[in-house]
Amino acid sequence: MSIKTRMAERLTSIFSPAALDVLDESDRHKGHGGWREGGETHFRVRIVAEAFSGMSRVARHRAINEAVAGFFAEGLHALAIEARAPDEPDPRARQGSQPAG
């Protein structure tokens, strides 16, 4: 089973997210430190979970890094984290845009 799949399962079991994306961005880092043929070295996690309510950004990152720490021994080299609580706006959403409907 891939690191991506197992990481998603682990994060789901710990944080019960309302939304979760685990993106393998290894292809963007070809030739950089930690990259290896076959990917699964550089990931981005986008997660929305009630568990993050009241937590600082640093605390959220620490919790996620602790949850996936074992994957670093398996070849995970870098992890970008975007974590928020459900009641927080998505910083990637364009401001001023209105939902269709």
N, C-alpha and C. Protein backbone atom coordinates (compact mmCIF):
# COMPACT_ATOMS: atom_id res chain seq x y z
N MET A 1 0.84 -1.17 0.00
CA MET A 1 0.00 0.00 0.00
C MET A 1 0.89 1.24 0.00
N SER A 2 0.51 2.26 -0.73
CA SER A 2 1.33 3.45 -0.89
C SER A 2 1.37 4.29 0.40
N ILE A 3 2.42 5.10 0.49
CA ILE A 3 2.52 6.04 1.61
C ILE A 3 1.32 6.98 1.58
N LYS A 4 0.96 7.44 0.40
CA LYS A 4 -0.17 8.37 0.26
C LYS A 4 -1.45 7.77 0.85
N THR A 5 -1.75 6.54 0.51
CA THR A 5 -2.96 5.88 1.00
C THR A 5 -2.90 5.67 2.51
N ARG A 6 -1.76 5.19 2.99
CA ARG A 6 -1.63 4.94 4.42
C ARG A 6 -1.64 6.23 5.22
N MET A 7 -1.05 7.31 4.67
CA MET A 7 -1.06 8.59 5.35
C MET A 7 -2.51 9.11 5.45
N ALA A 8 -3.27 8.99 4.37
CA ALA A 8 -4.67 9.42 4.39
C ALA A 8 -5.46 8.62 5.42
N GLU A 9 -5.25 7.32 5.48
CA GLU A 9 -5.94 6.48 6.46
C GLU A 9 -5.57 6.88 7.89
N ARG A 10 -4.30 7.15 8.11
CA ARG A 10 -3.84 7.52 9.46
C ARG A 10 -4.43 8.86 9.88
N LEU A 11 -4.39 9.84 9.01
CA LEU A 11 -4.94 11.16 9.34
C LEU A 11 -6.45 11.08 9.56
N THR A 12 -7.12 10.26 8.78
CA THR A 12 -8.56 10.08 8.94
C THR A 12 -8.88 9.45 10.28
N SER A 13 -8.12 8.44 10.66
CA SER A 13 -8.39 7.75 11.92
C SER A 13 -8.13 8.64 13.14
N ILE A 14 -7.19 9.55 13.04
CA ILE A 14 -6.84 10.39 14.18
C ILE A 14 -7.70 11.65 14.26
N PHE A 15 -7.94 12.30 13.10
CA PHE A 15 -8.59 13.61 13.12
C PHE A 15 -10.04 13.62 12.64
N SER A 16 -10.53 12.52 12.06
CA SER A 16 -11.90 12.47 11.53
C SER A 16 -12.24 13.71 10.72
N PRO A 17 -11.47 13.97 9.67
CA PRO A 17 -11.65 15.23 8.94
C PRO A 17 -12.96 15.31 8.15
N ALA A 18 -13.43 16.55 8.03
CA ALA A 18 -14.57 16.83 7.15
C ALA A 18 -14.10 16.83 5.70
N ALA A 19 -12.83 17.18 5.50
CA ALA A 19 -12.22 17.17 4.16
C ALA A 19 -10.74 16.85 4.31
N LEU A 20 -10.24 16.06 3.37
CA LEU A 20 -8.83 15.69 3.40
C LEU A 20 -8.33 15.45 1.99
N ASP A 21 -7.23 16.10 1.64
CA ASP A 21 -6.51 15.84 0.40
C ASP A 21 -5.08 15.55 0.77
N VAL A 22 -4.56 14.45 0.28
CA VAL A 22 -3.15 14.12 0.43
C VAL A 22 -2.60 14.10 -0.98
N LEU A 23 -1.78 15.07 -1.30
CA LEU A 23 -1.29 15.26 -2.67
C LEU A 23 0.19 14.91 -2.75
N ASP A 24 0.55 14.03 -3.68
CA ASP A 24 1.95 13.69 -3.91
C ASP A 24 2.51 14.73 -4.88
N GLU A 25 3.36 15.60 -4.37
CA GLU A 25 3.96 16.67 -5.17
C GLU A 25 5.41 16.36 -5.51
N SER A 26 5.78 15.10 -5.43
CA SER A 26 7.17 14.70 -5.65
C SER A 26 7.68 15.11 -7.02
N ASP A 27 6.83 15.05 -8.03
CA ASP A 27 7.27 15.39 -9.39
C ASP A 27 7.74 16.84 -9.49
N ARG A 28 7.27 17.70 -8.62
CA ARG A 28 7.69 19.11 -8.61
C ARG A 28 9.08 19.29 -8.01
N HIS A 29 9.61 18.24 -7.40
CA HIS A 29 10.87 18.34 -6.68
C HIS A 29 11.96 17.46 -7.29
N LYS A 30 11.75 17.02 -8.51
CA LYS A 30 12.73 16.15 -9.18
C LYS A 30 14.11 16.82 -9.17
N GLY A 31 15.09 16.08 -8.69
CA GLY A 31 16.45 16.58 -8.64
C GLY A 31 16.79 17.32 -7.35
N HIS A 32 15.81 17.59 -6.52
CA HIS A 32 16.05 18.27 -5.25
C HIS A 32 16.34 17.24 -4.16
N GLY A 33 16.81 17.73 -3.03
CA GLY A 33 17.13 16.86 -1.90
C GLY A 33 15.95 16.01 -1.47
N GLY A 34 16.21 14.75 -1.24
CA GLY A 34 15.18 13.84 -0.76
C GLY A 34 14.34 13.20 -1.84
N TRP A 35 14.40 13.72 -3.07
CA TRP A 35 13.60 13.16 -4.16
C TRP A 35 14.19 11.81 -4.56
N ARG A 36 13.31 10.90 -4.93
CA ARG A 36 13.77 9.62 -5.46
C ARG A 36 12.82 9.17 -6.56
N GLU A 37 13.32 8.35 -7.43
CA GLU A 37 12.52 7.80 -8.53
C GLU A 37 11.31 7.08 -7.95
N GLY A 38 10.15 7.31 -8.52
CA GLY A 38 8.94 6.66 -8.06
C GLY A 38 8.07 7.54 -7.18
N GLY A 39 8.62 8.70 -6.77
CA GLY A 39 7.83 9.65 -5.99
C GLY A 39 7.65 9.25 -4.55
N GLU A 40 6.55 9.74 -3.98
CA GLU A 40 6.20 9.50 -2.59
C GLU A 40 7.27 10.03 -1.62
N THR A 41 7.84 11.18 -1.99
CA THR A 41 8.84 11.82 -1.12
C THR A 41 8.37 13.17 -0.61
N HIS A 42 7.57 13.87 -1.40
CA HIS A 42 7.11 15.22 -1.07
C HIS A 42 5.59 15.26 -1.16
N PHE A 43 4.94 15.58 -0.05
CA PHE A 43 3.48 15.60 0.00
C PHE A 43 2.96 16.94 0.51
N ARG A 44 1.72 17.22 0.14
CA ARG A 44 0.96 18.34 0.69
C ARG A 44 -0.31 17.75 1.28
N VAL A 45 -0.60 18.13 2.52
CA VAL A 45 -1.82 17.69 3.19
C VAL A 45 -2.72 18.91 3.37
N ARG A 46 -3.93 18.80 2.87
CA ARG A 46 -4.97 19.81 3.10
C ARG A 46 -6.05 19.12 3.92
N ILE A 47 -6.27 19.61 5.12
CA ILE A 47 -7.17 18.92 6.04
C ILE A 47 -8.04 19.93 6.78
N VAL A 48 -9.32 19.60 6.87
CA VAL A 48 -10.29 20.40 7.61
C VAL A 48 -10.89 19.46 8.65
N ALA A 49 -10.72 19.81 9.93
CA ALA A 49 -11.21 18.93 10.99
C ALA A 49 -11.60 19.73 12.22
N GLU A 50 -12.66 19.30 12.85
CA GLU A 50 -13.12 19.91 14.09
C GLU A 50 -12.03 19.83 15.17
N ALA A 51 -11.21 18.81 15.08
CA ALA A 51 -10.12 18.62 16.06
C ALA A 51 -9.18 19.82 16.12
N PHE A 52 -9.15 20.65 15.07
CA PHE A 52 -8.24 21.80 15.03
C PHE A 52 -8.86 23.07 15.62
N SER A 53 -10.14 23.01 15.99
CA SER A 53 -10.78 24.18 16.59
C SER A 53 -10.05 24.58 17.86
N GLY A 54 -9.71 25.85 17.95
CA GLY A 54 -9.03 26.37 19.14
C GLY A 54 -7.54 26.11 19.17
N MET A 55 -7.01 25.41 18.18
CA MET A 55 -5.58 25.14 18.14
C MET A 55 -4.87 26.19 17.30
N SER A 56 -3.66 26.54 17.70
CA SER A 56 -2.85 27.46 16.90
C SER A 56 -2.35 26.73 15.65
N ARG A 57 -1.88 27.50 14.71
CA ARG A 57 -1.31 26.91 13.49
C ARG A 57 -0.15 25.98 13.84
N VAL A 58 0.70 26.40 14.74
CA VAL A 58 1.85 25.59 15.15
C VAL A 58 1.39 24.29 15.80
N ALA A 59 0.40 24.35 16.66
CA ALA A 59 -0.12 23.15 17.32
C ALA A 59 -0.72 22.18 16.31
N ARG A 60 -1.40 22.70 15.31
CA ARG A 60 -1.98 21.85 14.26
C ARG A 60 -0.88 21.13 13.50
N HIS A 61 0.15 21.88 13.13
CA HIS A 61 1.26 21.29 12.38
C HIS A 61 1.98 20.23 13.22
N ARG A 62 2.17 20.52 14.48
CA ARG A 62 2.82 19.54 15.37
C ARG A 62 1.99 18.26 15.46
N ALA A 63 0.68 18.41 15.59
CA ALA A 63 -0.19 17.23 15.70
C ALA A 63 -0.14 16.39 14.44
N ILE A 64 -0.15 17.03 13.28
CA ILE A 64 -0.10 16.30 12.02
C ILE A 64 1.26 15.65 11.84
N ASN A 65 2.33 16.39 12.12
CA ASN A 65 3.67 15.81 12.00
C ASN A 65 3.85 14.62 12.92
N GLU A 66 3.31 14.70 14.12
CA GLU A 66 3.38 13.57 15.05
C GLU A 66 2.62 12.36 14.48
N ALA A 67 1.47 12.62 13.87
CA ALA A 67 0.64 11.54 13.32
C ALA A 67 1.34 10.81 12.18
N VAL A 68 2.14 11.52 11.40
CA VAL A 68 2.76 10.90 10.22
C VAL A 68 4.27 10.67 10.38
N ALA A 69 4.78 10.85 11.58
CA ALA A 69 6.22 10.75 11.82
C ALA A 69 6.84 9.47 11.28
N GLY A 70 6.15 8.36 11.42
CA GLY A 70 6.69 7.08 10.97
C GLY A 70 6.95 6.99 9.48
N PHE A 71 6.27 7.81 8.70
CA PHE A 71 6.44 7.76 7.25
C PHE A 71 7.78 8.36 6.80
N PHE A 72 8.38 9.20 7.63
CA PHE A 72 9.67 9.76 7.28
C PHE A 72 10.74 8.66 7.20
N ALA A 73 10.62 7.65 8.01
CA ALA A 73 11.57 6.53 7.96
C ALA A 73 11.37 5.68 6.70
N GLU A 74 10.23 5.85 6.04
CA GLU A 74 9.91 5.08 4.83
C GLU A 74 10.20 5.86 3.55
N GLY A 75 10.74 7.07 3.68
CA GLY A 75 11.10 7.82 2.49
C GLY A 75 10.41 9.16 2.33
N LEU A 76 9.43 9.46 3.16
CA LEU A 76 8.82 10.78 3.14
C LEU A 76 9.91 11.78 3.50
N HIS A 77 10.07 12.80 2.66
CA HIS A 77 11.13 13.78 2.88
C HIS A 77 10.59 15.13 3.30
N ALA A 78 9.45 15.53 2.72
CA ALA A 78 8.90 16.86 3.01
C ALA A 78 7.39 16.81 3.05
N LEU A 79 6.81 17.60 3.96
CA LEU A 79 5.37 17.63 4.12
C LEU A 79 4.91 19.08 4.27
N ALA A 80 4.11 19.54 3.32
CA ALA A 80 3.49 20.86 3.41
C ALA A 80 2.11 20.65 4.02
N ILE A 81 1.72 21.51 4.95
CA ILE A 81 0.47 21.31 5.68
C ILE A 81 -0.41 22.54 5.58
N GLU A 82 -1.66 22.30 5.22
CA GLU A 82 -2.71 23.33 5.25
C GLU A 82 -3.82 22.75 6.11
N ALA A 83 -3.92 23.22 7.34
CA ALA A 83 -4.88 22.66 8.29
C ALA A 83 -5.78 23.76 8.83
N ARG A 84 -7.07 23.47 8.88
CA ARG A 84 -8.01 24.45 9.44
C ARG A 84 -9.22 23.75 10.04
N ALA A 85 -9.92 24.48 10.87
CA ALA A 85 -11.18 24.00 11.45
C ALA A 85 -12.31 24.30 10.46
N PRO A 86 -13.42 23.57 10.55
CA PRO A 86 -14.52 23.76 9.60
C PRO A 86 -15.09 25.17 9.54
N ASP A 87 -15.04 25.90 10.64
CA ASP A 87 -15.63 27.24 10.65
C ASP A 87 -14.67 28.32 10.16
N GLU A 88 -13.47 27.94 9.75
CA GLU A 88 -12.49 28.90 9.24
C GLU A 88 -12.54 28.94 7.72
N PRO A 89 -12.39 30.13 7.13
CA PRO A 89 -12.43 30.23 5.67
C PRO A 89 -11.22 29.56 5.02
N ASP A 90 -11.42 29.07 3.83
CA ASP A 90 -10.34 28.48 3.06
C ASP A 90 -9.50 29.62 2.49
N PRO A 91 -8.24 29.75 2.87
CA PRO A 91 -7.43 30.87 2.37
C PRO A 91 -7.19 30.81 0.87
N ARG A 92 -7.41 29.65 0.27
CA ARG A 92 -7.24 29.52 -1.18
C ARG A 92 -8.45 30.04 -1.95
N ALA A 93 -9.58 30.21 -1.27
CA ALA A 93 -10.80 30.69 -1.93
C ALA A 93 -10.62 32.16 -2.29
N ARG A 94 -11.09 32.51 -3.44
CA ARG A 94 -10.99 33.90 -3.89
C ARG A 94 -11.95 34.75 -3.07
N GLN A 95 -11.43 35.82 -2.56
CA GLN A 95 -12.26 36.74 -1.79
C GLN A 95 -13.19 37.47 -2.75
N GLY A 96 -14.42 37.67 -2.29
CA GLY A 96 -15.40 38.39 -3.10
C GLY A 96 -16.17 37.52 -4.06
N SER A 97 -15.79 36.26 -4.22
CA SER A 97 -16.54 35.40 -5.13
C SER A 97 -17.78 34.89 -4.41
N GLN A 98 -18.83 34.74 -5.14
CA GLN A 98 -20.09 34.28 -4.59
C GLN A 98 -20.37 32.87 -5.10
N PRO A 99 -20.83 31.97 -4.25
CA PRO A 99 -21.16 30.63 -4.71
C PRO A 99 -22.32 30.68 -5.69
N ALA A 100 -22.29 29.77 -6.63
CA ALA A 100 -23.38 29.68 -7.61
C ALA A 100 -24.63 29.15 -6.91
N GLY A 101 -25.75 29.59 -7.38
CA GLY A 101 -26.95 29.02 -6.78
C GLY A 101 -28.03 29.94 -6.77
